[in-house]
C-alpha atoms as a PDB file:
ATOM      1  CA  UNK A   1       0.000   0.000   0.000  1.00  0.00           C
ATOM      2  CA  UNK A   2       1.097   3.555  -0.722  1.00  0.00           C
ATOM      3  CA  UNK A   3       0.115   5.098   2.589  1.00  0.00           C
ATOM      4  CA  UNK A   4       3.063   7.184   3.799  1.00  0.00           C
ATOM      5  CA  UNK A   5       1.810  10.444   2.300  1.00  0.00           C
ATOM      6  CA  UNK A   6      -1.723   9.913   3.601  1.00  0.00           C
ATOM      7  CA  UNK A   7      -3.296  11.998   6.349  1.00  0.00           C
ATOM      8  CA  UNK A   8      -2.815  10.358   9.727  1.00  0.00           C
ATOM      9  CA  UNK A   9      -5.726  10.309  12.129  1.00  0.00           C
ATOM     10  CA  UNK A  10      -5.282  11.960  15.508  1.00  0.00           C
ATOM     11  CA  UNK A  11      -7.904   9.635  17.019  1.00  0.00           C
ATOM     12  CA  UNK A  12      -5.272   7.243  18.347  1.00  0.00           C
ATOM     13  CA  UNK A  13      -4.930   6.447  22.042  1.00  0.00           C
ATOM     14  CA  UNK A  14      -1.617   4.732  22.720  1.00  0.00           C
ATOM     15  CA  UNK A  15      -1.661   2.709  25.944  1.00  0.00           C
ATOM     16  CA  UNK A  16       1.328   0.538  25.107  1.00  0.00           C
ATOM     17  CA  UNK A  17       3.413   2.204  27.782  1.00  0.00           C
ATOM     18  CA  UNK A  18       0.843   1.595  30.521  1.00  0.00           C
ATOM     19  CA  UNK A  19       1.847  -0.459  33.526  1.00  0.00           C
ATOM     20  CA  UNK A  20      -0.140  -3.643  34.331  1.00  0.00           C
ATOM     21  CA  UNK A  21      -1.843  -1.722  37.145  1.00  0.00           C
ATOM     22  CA  UNK A  22      -2.955   1.016  34.739  1.00  0.00           C
ATOM     23  CA  UNK A  23      -4.130  -1.517  32.179  1.00  0.00           C
ATOM     24  CA  UNK A  24      -6.246  -3.554  34.578  1.00  0.00           C
ATOM     25  CA  UNK A  25      -9.984  -3.096  34.619  1.00  0.00           C
ATOM     26  CA  UNK A  26     -11.240  -0.528  37.173  1.00  0.00           C
ATOM     27  CA  UNK A  27     -13.495  -3.131  38.738  1.00  0.00           C
ATOM     28  CA  UNK A  28     -10.503  -5.227  39.825  1.00  0.00           C
ATOM     29  CA  UNK A  29      -9.596  -2.830  42.617  1.00  0.00           C
ATOM     30  CA  UNK A  30     -13.166  -2.810  43.886  1.00  0.00           C
ATOM     31  CA  UNK A  31     -13.006  -6.538  44.570  1.00  0.00           C
ATOM     32  CA  UNK A  32     -10.787  -5.811  47.557  1.00  0.00           C
ATOM     33  CA  UNK A  33     -13.683  -3.876  49.128  1.00  0.00           C
ATOM     34  CA  UNK A  34     -16.103  -6.816  49.019  1.00  0.00           C
ATOM     35  CA  UNK A  35     -15.300  -8.230  52.498  1.00  0.00           C
ATOM     36  CA  UNK A  36     -15.729  -4.770  54.046  1.00  0.00           C
ATOM     37  CA  UNK A  37     -19.035  -4.101  52.280  1.00  0.00           C
ATOM     38  CA  UNK A  38     -20.435  -7.488  53.297  1.00  0.00           C
ATOM     39  CA  UNK A  39     -20.327  -6.456  56.962  1.00  0.00           C
ATOM     40  CA  UNK A  40     -23.278  -4.062  56.718  1.00  0.00           C
ATOM     41  CA  UNK A  41     -26.746  -4.058  55.171  1.00  0.00           C
ATOM     42  CA  UNK A  42     -25.956  -0.889  53.224  1.00  0.00           C
ATOM     43  CA  UNK A  43     -22.760  -2.439  51.918  1.00  0.00           C
ATOM     44  CA  UNK A  44     -24.600  -5.528  50.719  1.00  0.00           C
ATOM     45  CA  UNK A  45     -27.095  -3.316  48.863  1.00  0.00           C
ATOM     46  CA  UNK A  46     -24.188  -1.543  47.151  1.00  0.00           C
ATOM     47  CA  UNK A  47     -22.769  -4.903  46.089  1.00  0.00           C
ATOM     48  CA  UNK A  48     -26.103  -5.997  44.593  1.00  0.00           C
ATOM     49  CA  UNK A  49     -26.432  -2.728  42.655  1.00  0.00           C
ATOM     50  CA  UNK A  50     -22.845  -3.048  41.465  1.00  0.00           C
ATOM     51  CA  UNK A  51     -23.387  -6.626  40.326  1.00  0.00           C
ATOM     52  CA  UNK A  52     -26.491  -5.620  38.365  1.00  0.00           C
ATOM     53  CA  UNK A  53     -24.603  -2.746  36.741  1.00  0.00           C
ATOM     54  CA  UNK A  54     -21.697  -4.899  35.599  1.00  0.00           C
ATOM     55  CA  UNK A  55     -24.105  -7.566  34.356  1.00  0.00           C
ATOM     56  CA  UNK A  56     -25.876  -4.913  32.295  1.00  0.00           C
ATOM     57  CA  UNK A  57     -22.561  -3.702  30.872  1.00  0.00           C
ATOM     58  CA  UNK A  58     -21.577  -7.240  29.996  1.00  0.00           C
ATOM     59  CA  UNK A  59     -24.772  -8.150  28.172  1.00  0.00           C
ATOM     60  CA  UNK A  60     -25.320  -4.832  26.378  1.00  0.00           C
ATOM     61  CA  UNK A  61     -21.793  -3.664  25.633  1.00  0.00           C
ATOM     62  CA  UNK A  62     -20.060  -6.715  24.227  1.00  0.00           C
ATOM     63  CA  UNK A  63     -17.460  -5.980  21.591  1.00  0.00           C
ATOM     64  CA  UNK A  64     -17.379  -6.990  17.931  1.00  0.00           C
ATOM     65  CA  UNK A  65     -14.185  -8.642  16.737  1.00  0.00           C
ATOM     66  CA  UNK A  66     -12.839  -9.680  13.387  1.00  0.00           C
ATOM     67  CA  UNK A  67     -13.184 -13.305  14.478  1.00  0.00           C
ATOM     68  CA  UNK A  68      -9.690 -14.474  15.452  1.00  0.00           C
ATOM     69  CA  UNK A  69      -8.331 -15.334  18.861  1.00  0.00           C
ATOM     70  CA  UNK A  70      -4.710 -14.274  19.193  1.00  0.00           C
ATOM     71  CA  UNK A  71      -2.506 -17.137  20.336  1.00  0.00           C
ATOM     72  CA  UNK A  72      -0.934 -16.946  23.759  1.00  0.00           C
ATOM     73  CA  UNK A  73       2.482 -17.500  22.236  1.00  0.00           C
ATOM     74  CA  UNK A  74       2.265 -14.269  20.221  1.00  0.00           C
ATOM     75  CA  UNK A  75       4.369 -11.556  21.787  1.00  0.00           C
ATOM     76  CA  UNK A  76       4.164  -7.893  20.917  1.00  0.00           C
ATOM     77  CA  UNK A  77       7.370  -6.309  19.667  1.00  0.00           C
ATOM     78  CA  UNK A  78       9.263  -4.010  22.071  1.00  0.00           C
ATOM     79  CA  UNK A  79       7.369  -0.801  22.641  1.00  0.00           C
ATOM     80  CA  UNK A  80       8.275   2.031  20.271  1.00  0.00           C
ATOM     81  CA  UNK A  81       5.629   4.670  20.706  1.00  0.00           C
ATOM     82  CA  UNK A  82       6.315   6.370  17.352  1.00  0.00           C
ATOM     83  CA  UNK A  83       7.020   3.237  15.342  1.00  0.00           C
ATOM     84  CA  UNK A  84       6.049   2.714  11.709  1.00  0.00           C
ATOM     85  CA  UNK A  85       3.225   0.331  12.599  1.00  0.00           C
ATOM     86  CA  UNK A  86       1.546   3.078  14.606  1.00  0.00           C
ATOM     87  CA  UNK A  87       1.944   5.495  11.704  1.00  0.00           C
ATOM     88  CA  UNK A  88       0.413   2.903   9.385  1.00  0.00           C
ATOM     89  CA  UNK A  89      -2.575   2.407  11.700  1.00  0.00           C
ATOM     90  CA  UNK A  90      -3.055   6.191  11.922  1.00  0.00           C
ATOM     91  CA  UNK A  91      -2.950   6.491   8.120  1.00  0.00           C
ATOM     92  CA  UNK A  92      -5.480   3.694   7.592  1.00  0.00           C
ATOM     93  CA  UNK A  93      -7.769   5.105  10.278  1.00  0.00           C
ATOM     94  CA  UNK A  94      -7.445   8.519   8.620  1.00  0.00           C
ATOM     95  CA  UNK A  95      -8.504   7.043   5.288  1.00  0.00           C
ATOM     96  CA  UNK A  96     -11.577   5.424   6.875  1.00  0.00           C
ATOM     97  CA  UNK A  97     -12.515   8.799   8.356  1.00  0.00           C
ATOM     98  CA  UNK A  98     -12.373  10.419   4.912  1.00  0.00           C
ATOM     99  CA  UNK A  99     -14.428   7.657   3.289  1.00  0.00           C
ATOM    100  CA  UNK A 100     -17.153   7.462   5.922  1.00  0.00           C
ATOM    101  CA  UNK A 101     -17.408  11.207   6.419  1.00  0.00           C
ATOM    102  CA  UNK A 102     -18.267  11.408   2.724  1.00  0.00           C
ATOM    103  CA  UNK A 103     -20.646   8.436   2.832  1.00  0.00           C
ATOM    104  CA  UNK A 104     -22.518   9.783   5.856  1.00  0.00           C
ATOM    105  CA  UNK A 105     -22.749  13.303   4.437  1.00  0.00           C
ATOM    106  CA  UNK A 106     -20.417  14.954   6.920  1.00  0.00           C
ATOM    107  CA  UNK A 107     -22.186  13.506   9.971  1.00  0.00           C
ATOM    108  CA  UNK A 108     -19.603  10.818  10.679  1.00  0.00           C
ATOM    109  CA  UNK A 109     -18.289  10.676  14.232  1.00  0.00           C
ATOM    110  CA  UNK A 110     -14.997   8.744  14.067  1.00  0.00           C
ATOM    111  CA  UNK A 111     -14.075   6.142  16.666  1.00  0.00           C
ATOM    112  CA  UNK A 112     -10.935   6.239  18.766  1.00  0.00           C
ATOM    113  CA  UNK A 113      -8.470   3.437  18.100  1.00  0.00           C
ATOM    114  CA  UNK A 114      -6.633   2.207  21.190  1.00  0.00           C
ATOM    115  CA  UNK A 115      -3.224   0.576  20.836  1.00  0.00           C
ATOM    116  CA  UNK A 116      -2.331  -1.626  23.795  1.00  0.00           C
ATOM    117  CA  UNK A 117      -0.162  -4.523  24.874  1.00  0.00           C
ATOM    118  CA  UNK A 118      -1.667  -7.779  26.136  1.00  0.00           C
ATOM    119  CA  UNK A 119      -4.500  -6.443  28.320  1.00  0.00           C
ATOM    120  CA  UNK A 120      -6.424  -3.206  28.849  1.00  0.00           C
ATOM    121  CA  UNK A 121      -9.660  -1.856  30.299  1.00  0.00           C
ATOM    122  CA  UNK A 122     -12.572  -1.107  27.942  1.00  0.00           C
ATOM    123  CA  UNK A 123     -16.202  -0.066  28.146  1.00  0.00           C
ATOM    124  CA  UNK A 124     -17.029  -3.723  27.453  1.00  0.00           C
ATOM    125  CA  UNK A 125     -14.900  -5.133  30.279  1.00  0.00           C
ATOM    126  CA  UNK A 126     -11.290  -6.261  30.239  1.00  0.00           C
ATOM    127  CA  UNK A 127      -9.805  -6.401  26.748  1.00  0.00           C
ATOM    128  CA  UNK A 128      -7.243  -9.087  25.966  1.00  0.00           C
ATOM    129  CA  UNK A 129      -4.916  -9.456  22.985  1.00  0.00           C
ATOM    130  CA  UNK A 130      -5.939 -13.125  22.857  1.00  0.00           C
ATOM    131  CA  UNK A 131      -9.362 -12.007  21.588  1.00  0.00           C
ATOM    132  CA  UNK A 132      -7.848 -10.301  18.550  1.00  0.00           C
ATOM    133  CA  UNK A 133      -8.822  -6.777  17.424  1.00  0.00           C
ATOM    134  CA  UNK A 134     -12.334  -5.753  18.471  1.00  0.00           C
ATOM    135  CA  UNK A 135     -14.773  -2.858  18.558  1.00  0.00           C
ATOM    136  CA  UNK A 136     -16.518  -1.952  21.811  1.00  0.00           C
ATOM    137  CA  UNK A 137     -19.896  -0.272  21.163  1.00  0.00           C
ATOM    138  CA  UNK A 138     -20.185   0.863  24.782  1.00  0.00           C
ATOM    139  CA  UNK A 139     -17.288   3.329  24.474  1.00  0.00           C
ATOM    140  CA  UNK A 140     -17.135   3.425  20.645  1.00  0.00           C
ATOM    141  CA  UNK A 141     -13.466   2.494  20.562  1.00  0.00           C
ATOM    142  CA  UNK A 142     -11.466  -0.016  18.538  1.00  0.00           C
ATOM    143  CA  UNK A 143      -8.892  -2.030  20.491  1.00  0.00           C
ATOM    144  CA  UNK A 144      -5.790  -3.344  18.775  1.00  0.00           C
ATOM    145  CA  UNK A 145      -2.650  -5.138  19.924  1.00  0.00           C
ATOM    146  CA  UNK A 146      -0.052  -4.830  17.153  1.00  0.00           C
ATOM    147  CA  UNK A 147       1.053  -8.398  17.843  1.00  0.00           C
ATOM    148  CA  UNK A 148      -1.943  -9.318  15.702  1.00  0.00           C
ATOM    149  CA  UNK A 149       0.174  -8.591  12.624  1.00  0.00           C
ATOM    150  CA  UNK A 150       2.179 -11.733  13.391  1.00  0.00           C
ATOM    151  CA  UNK A 151      -1.055 -13.669  13.926  1.00  0.00           C
ATOM    152  CA  UNK A 152      -2.230 -12.786  10.425  1.00  0.00           C
ATOM    153  CA  UNK A 153       1.053 -14.062   9.020  1.00  0.00           C
ATOM    154  CA  UNK A 154       0.549 -17.381  10.820  1.00  0.00           C
ATOM    155  CA  UNK A 155      -2.894 -17.648   9.238  1.00  0.00           C
ATOM    156  CA  UNK A 156      -1.411 -17.166   5.782  1.00  0.00           C
ATOM    157  CA  UNK A 157      -2.600 -13.572   5.408  1.00  0.00           C
ATOM    158  CA  UNK A 158       0.530 -11.381   5.463  1.00  0.00           C
ATOM    159  CA  UNK A 159       0.775  -7.924   3.962  1.00  0.00           C
ATOM    160  CA  UNK A 160      -0.172  -4.383   4.860  1.00  0.00           C
ATOM    161  CA  UNK A 161      -3.544  -4.455   3.095  1.00  0.00           C
ATOM    162  CA  UNK A 162      -4.544  -7.585   5.018  1.00  0.00           C
ATOM    163  CA  UNK A 163      -3.960  -5.671   8.257  1.00  0.00           C
ATOM    164  CA  UNK A 164      -5.711  -2.601   6.855  1.00  0.00           C
ATOM    165  CA  UNK A 165      -8.748  -4.767   6.031  1.00  0.00           C
ATOM    166  CA  UNK A 166      -8.957  -5.789   9.698  1.00  0.00           C
ATOM    167  CA  UNK A 167      -8.968  -2.143  10.796  1.00  0.00           C
ATOM    168  CA  UNK A 168     -11.570  -1.247   8.157  1.00  0.00           C
ATOM    169  CA  UNK A 169     -13.733  -4.171   9.332  1.00  0.00           C
ATOM    170  CA  UNK A 170     -13.716  -2.872  12.914  1.00  0.00           C
ATOM    171  CA  UNK A 171     -14.526   0.619  11.656  1.00  0.00           C
ATOM    172  CA  UNK A 172     -17.440  -1.037   9.857  1.00  0.00           C
ATOM    173  CA  UNK A 173     -18.790  -2.090  13.253  1.00  0.00           C
ATOM    174  CA  UNK A 174     -18.575   1.541  14.363  1.00  0.00           C
ATOM    175  CA  UNK A 175     -20.602   2.582  11.317  1.00  0.00           C
ATOM    176  CA  UNK A 176     -23.201  -0.030  12.321  1.00  0.00           C
ATOM    177  CA  UNK A 177     -23.319   1.506  15.784  1.00  0.00           C
ATOM    178  CA  UNK A 178     -23.836   5.009  14.383  1.00  0.00           C
ATOM    179  CA  UNK A 179     -26.597   3.804  12.050  1.00  0.00           C
ATOM    180  CA  UNK A 180     -28.352   1.902  14.836  1.00  0.00           C
ATOM    181  CA  UNK A 181     -27.870  -1.475  13.147  1.00  0.00           C
ATOM    182  CA  UNK A 182     -25.894  -3.120  15.937  1.00  0.00           C
ATOM    183  CA  UNK A 183     -28.370  -1.995  18.610  1.00  0.00           C
ATOM    184  CA  UNK A 184     -31.286  -3.465  16.645  1.00  0.00           C
ATOM    185  CA  UNK A 185     -29.407  -6.741  16.209  1.00  0.00           C
ATOM    186  CA  UNK A 186     -28.631  -6.885  19.933  1.00  0.00           C
ATOM    187  CA  UNK A 187     -32.318  -6.439  20.743  1.00  0.00           C
ATOM    188  CA  UNK A 188     -33.281  -9.237  18.352  1.00  0.00           C
ATOM    189  CA  UNK A 189     -30.585 -11.532  19.735  1.00  0.00           C
ATOM    190  CA  UNK A 190     -31.865 -11.133  23.281  1.00  0.00           C
ATOM    191  CA  UNK A 191     -35.256 -12.463  22.111  1.00  0.00           C
ATOM    192  CA  UNK A 192     -33.806 -15.301  20.008  1.00  0.00           C
ATOM    193  CA  UNK A 193     -32.515 -18.814  20.551  1.00  0.00           C
ATOM    194  CA  UNK A 194     -28.778 -19.428  20.215  1.00  0.00           C
ATOM    195  CA  UNK A 195     -28.928 -20.608  16.596  1.00  0.00           C
ATOM    196  CA  UNK A 196     -30.860 -17.535  15.468  1.00  0.00           C
ATOM    197  CA  UNK A 197     -28.636 -15.248  17.538  1.00  0.00           C
ATOM    198  CA  UNK A 198     -25.571 -16.715  15.816  1.00  0.00           C
ATOM    199  CA  UNK A 199     -27.157 -16.171  12.401  1.00  0.00           C
ATOM    200  CA  UNK A 200     -27.777 -12.516  13.257  1.00  0.00           C
ATOM    201  CA  UNK A 201     -24.172 -12.194  14.404  1.00  0.00           C
ATOM    202  CA  UNK A 202     -22.982 -13.605  11.070  1.00  0.00           C
ATOM    203  CA  UNK A 203     -25.069 -11.059   9.144  1.00  0.00           C
ATOM    204  CA  UNK A 204     -23.623  -8.243  11.257  1.00  0.00           C
ATOM    205  CA  UNK A 205     -20.062  -9.433  10.651  1.00  0.00           C
ATOM    206  CA  UNK A 206     -20.578  -9.915   6.914  1.00  0.00           C
ATOM    207  CA  UNK A 207     -21.949  -6.401   6.661  1.00  0.00           C
ATOM    208  CA  UNK A 208     -18.784  -5.117   8.366  1.00  0.00           C
ATOM    209  CA  UNK A 209     -16.780  -7.055   5.753  1.00  0.00           C
ATOM    210  CA  UNK A 210     -18.807  -5.376   3.009  1.00  0.00           C
ATOM    211  CA  UNK A 211     -18.208  -1.973   4.602  1.00  0.00           C
ATOM    212  CA  UNK A 212     -14.485  -2.778   4.610  1.00  0.00           C
ATOM    213  CA  UNK A 213     -14.844  -3.460   0.892  1.00  0.00           C
ATOM    214  CA  UNK A 214     -16.513  -0.061   0.386  1.00  0.00           C
ATOM    215  CA  UNK A 215     -13.513   1.557   2.069  1.00  0.00           C
ATOM    216  CA  UNK A 216     -11.222  -0.498  -0.190  1.00  0.00           C
ATOM    217  CA  UNK A 217     -13.038   0.793  -3.281  1.00  0.00           C
ATOM    218  CA  UNK A 218     -12.297   4.405  -2.382  1.00  0.00           C
ATOM    219  CA  UNK A 219      -8.666   3.979  -1.313  1.00  0.00           C
ATOM    220  CA  UNK A 220      -8.124   2.152  -4.600  1.00  0.00           C
ATOM    221  CA  UNK A 221      -9.641   5.133  -6.433  1.00  0.00           C
ATOM    222  CA  UNK A 222      -7.194   7.358  -4.563  1.00  0.00           C
ATOM    223  CA  UNK A 223      -4.230   5.309  -5.779  1.00  0.00           C
ATOM    224  CA  UNK A 224      -3.269   3.870  -2.399  1.00  0.00           C
ATOM    225  CA  UNK A 225      -3.279   0.221  -3.487  1.00  0.00           C
ATOM    226  CA  UNK A 226      -0.404  -1.674  -5.068  1.00  0.00           C
ATOM    227  CA  UNK A 227      -0.664  -4.710  -7.303  1.00  0.00           C
ATOM    228  CA  UNK A 228      -1.432  -7.691  -5.104  1.00  0.00           C
ATOM    229  CA  UNK A 229      -3.092  -5.700  -2.316  1.00  0.00           C
ATOM    230  CA  UNK A 230      -6.594  -6.905  -3.195  1.00  0.00           C
ATOM    231  CA  UNK A 231      -5.382 -10.490  -3.032  1.00  0.00           C
ATOM    232  CA  UNK A 232      -4.006  -9.765   0.452  1.00  0.00           C
ATOM    233  CA  UNK A 233      -7.413  -8.502   1.530  1.00  0.00           C
ATOM    234  CA  UNK A 234      -9.189 -11.546   0.122  1.00  0.00           C
ATOM    235  CA  UNK A 235      -6.678 -13.830   1.841  1.00  0.00           C
ATOM    236  CA  UNK A 236      -7.375 -12.077   5.135  1.00  0.00           C
ATOM    237  CA  UNK A 237     -11.138 -12.415   4.679  1.00  0.00           C
ATOM    238  CA  UNK A 238     -10.691 -16.112   3.905  1.00  0.00           C
ATOM    239  CA  UNK A 239      -8.304 -16.662   6.815  1.00  0.00           C
ATOM    240  CA  UNK A 240     -10.854 -15.492   9.386  1.00  0.00           C
ATOM    241  CA  UNK A 241     -13.765 -17.580   8.095  1.00  0.00           C
ATOM    242  CA  UNK A 242     -15.449 -19.630  10.814  1.00  0.00           C
ATOM    243  CA  UNK A 243     -15.161 -22.856   8.822  1.00  0.00           C
ATOM    244  CA  UNK A 244     -11.435 -22.436   8.326  1.00  0.00           C
ATOM    245  CA  UNK A 245     -10.834 -21.534  11.973  1.00  0.00           C
ATOM    246  CA  UNK A 246     -12.863 -24.554  13.113  1.00  0.00           C
ATOM    247  CA  UNK A 247     -10.776 -26.830  10.882  1.00  0.00           C
ATOM    248  CA  UNK A 248      -7.535 -25.297  12.165  1.00  0.00           C
ATOM    249  CA  UNK A 249      -8.715 -25.993  15.712  1.00  0.00           C
ATOM    250  CA  UNK A 250      -9.240 -29.649  14.794  1.00  0.00           C
ATOM    251  CA  UNK A 251     -13.024 -29.344  14.942  1.00  0.00           C
ATOM    252  CA  UNK A 252     -15.712 -30.441  12.523  1.00  0.00           C
ATOM    253  CA  UNK A 253     -17.299 -27.611  10.556  1.00  0.00           C
ATOM    254  CA  UNK A 254     -20.532 -26.619  12.325  1.00  0.00           C
ATOM    255  CA  UNK A 255     -22.420 -23.878  10.423  1.00  0.00           C
ATOM    256  CA  UNK A 256     -24.918 -23.394  13.265  1.00  0.00           C
ATOM    257  CA  UNK A 257     -22.008 -22.358  15.474  1.00  0.00           C
ATOM    258  CA  UNK A 258     -20.742 -19.729  13.021  1.00  0.00           C
ATOM    259  CA  UNK A 259     -20.632 -16.198  14.426  1.00  0.00           C
ATOM    260  CA  UNK A 260     -18.668 -14.419  11.675  1.00  0.00           C
ATOM    261  CA  UNK A 261     -19.408 -16.342   8.471  1.00  0.00           C
ATOM    262  CA  UNK A 262     -17.589 -18.851   6.296  1.00  0.00           C
ATOM    263  CA  UNK A 263     -14.486 -17.966   4.293  1.00  0.00           C
ATOM    264  CA  UNK A 264     -16.547 -17.965   1.100  1.00  0.00           C
ATOM    265  CA  UNK A 265     -19.171 -15.655   2.607  1.00  0.00           C
ATOM    266  CA  UNK A 266     -16.596 -13.217   3.934  1.00  0.00           C
ATOM    267  CA  UNK A 267     -14.794 -13.032   0.596  1.00  0.00           C
ATOM    268  CA  UNK A 268     -18.087 -12.571  -1.278  1.00  0.00           C
ATOM    269  CA  UNK A 269     -19.277  -9.680   0.877  1.00  0.00           C
ATOM    270  CA  UNK A 270     -15.897  -7.942   0.870  1.00  0.00           C
ATOM    271  CA  UNK A 271     -15.925  -8.185  -2.942  1.00  0.00           C
ATOM    272  CA  UNK A 272     -19.461  -6.811  -3.079  1.00  0.00           C
ATOM    273  CA  UNK A 273     -18.456  -3.696  -1.180  1.00  0.00           C
ATOM    274  CA  UNK A 274     -15.222  -3.330  -3.131  1.00  0.00           C
ATOM    275  CA  UNK A 275     -16.914  -3.574  -6.528  1.00  0.00           C
ATOM    276  CA  UNK A 276     -19.835  -1.271  -5.728  1.00  0.00           C
ATOM    277  CA  UNK A 277     -18.323   1.327  -3.407  1.00  0.00           C
ATOM    278  CA  UNK A 278     -21.866   1.720  -2.095  1.00  0.00           C
ATOM    279  CA  UNK A 279     -22.853   0.948   1.526  1.00  0.00           C
ATOM    280  CA  UNK A 280     -26.422   0.361   0.329  1.00  0.00           C
ATOM    281  CA  UNK A 281     -25.173  -2.801  -1.375  1.00  0.00           C
ATOM    282  CA  UNK A 282     -24.209  -4.160   2.049  1.00  0.00           C
ATOM    283  CA  UNK A 283     -27.653  -5.097   3.363  1.00  0.00           C
ATOM    284  CA  UNK A 284     -26.808  -8.620   4.502  1.00  0.00           C
ATOM    285  CA  UNK A 285     -30.058  -8.811   6.474  1.00  0.00           C
ATOM    286  CA  UNK A 286     -32.189  -9.147   3.347  1.00  0.00           C
ATOM    287  CA  UNK A 287     -30.094 -12.067   2.082  1.00  0.00           C
ATOM    288  CA  UNK A 288     -30.942 -15.702   2.983  1.00  0.00           C
END
């Protein structure tokens, strides 16, 4: 990708220098107060209210990820707060801001992208690098451990555009949040059985893939893509298909357990967005 002359987004929050204490979830420190609160009636009431609050956060603020769990053996490179990877992320995020600001007629509110190492606190609970990149609708932030670049290579999806696709996919979830799509899906899922809830999750993820394709259409028009970049993006979409990940885990392919879509589905919807450049072509919910 030809990205070095692109505008870099300022919506980057770099937590990679945080200590483990800073990165831990705020609720962890409160656990030490439990024995003290249990001694009084008022304290027990506070605990009940707190438990209900965190349960609400858990069930209504769950994050959307690209679909890969980062292996425990993956280690993030030594921290360099102004490294080239950070500049690349800022450039890709900047390009998504330009695309979606145009698509949403100047009403786009960009997300913040948080860079972190291993573990961090989020509006959706504790974020872990093992979960892969994810979007948290509760705080409207994207969380990314740069060690995920190595994970993509292990999955056979190397290259800068493959990584850019992942970022664009997570931005797609933010667009869904702004348009109210993700909230509607969450409401439907709460009233559905597990199989139907999984199917709704797949449609949400495939739409984010299509939105990533829409972004790809415009950066290609701007001359940012090199020969072979599209293939990198398609490889990344294929690499994170539920069927492929199930096979890699030594499991039988179980479509009812899909939450992100098969490799073929993910490639197809990315292509649809890339060929059309039109978010209106990304209505996965009207497709069987």
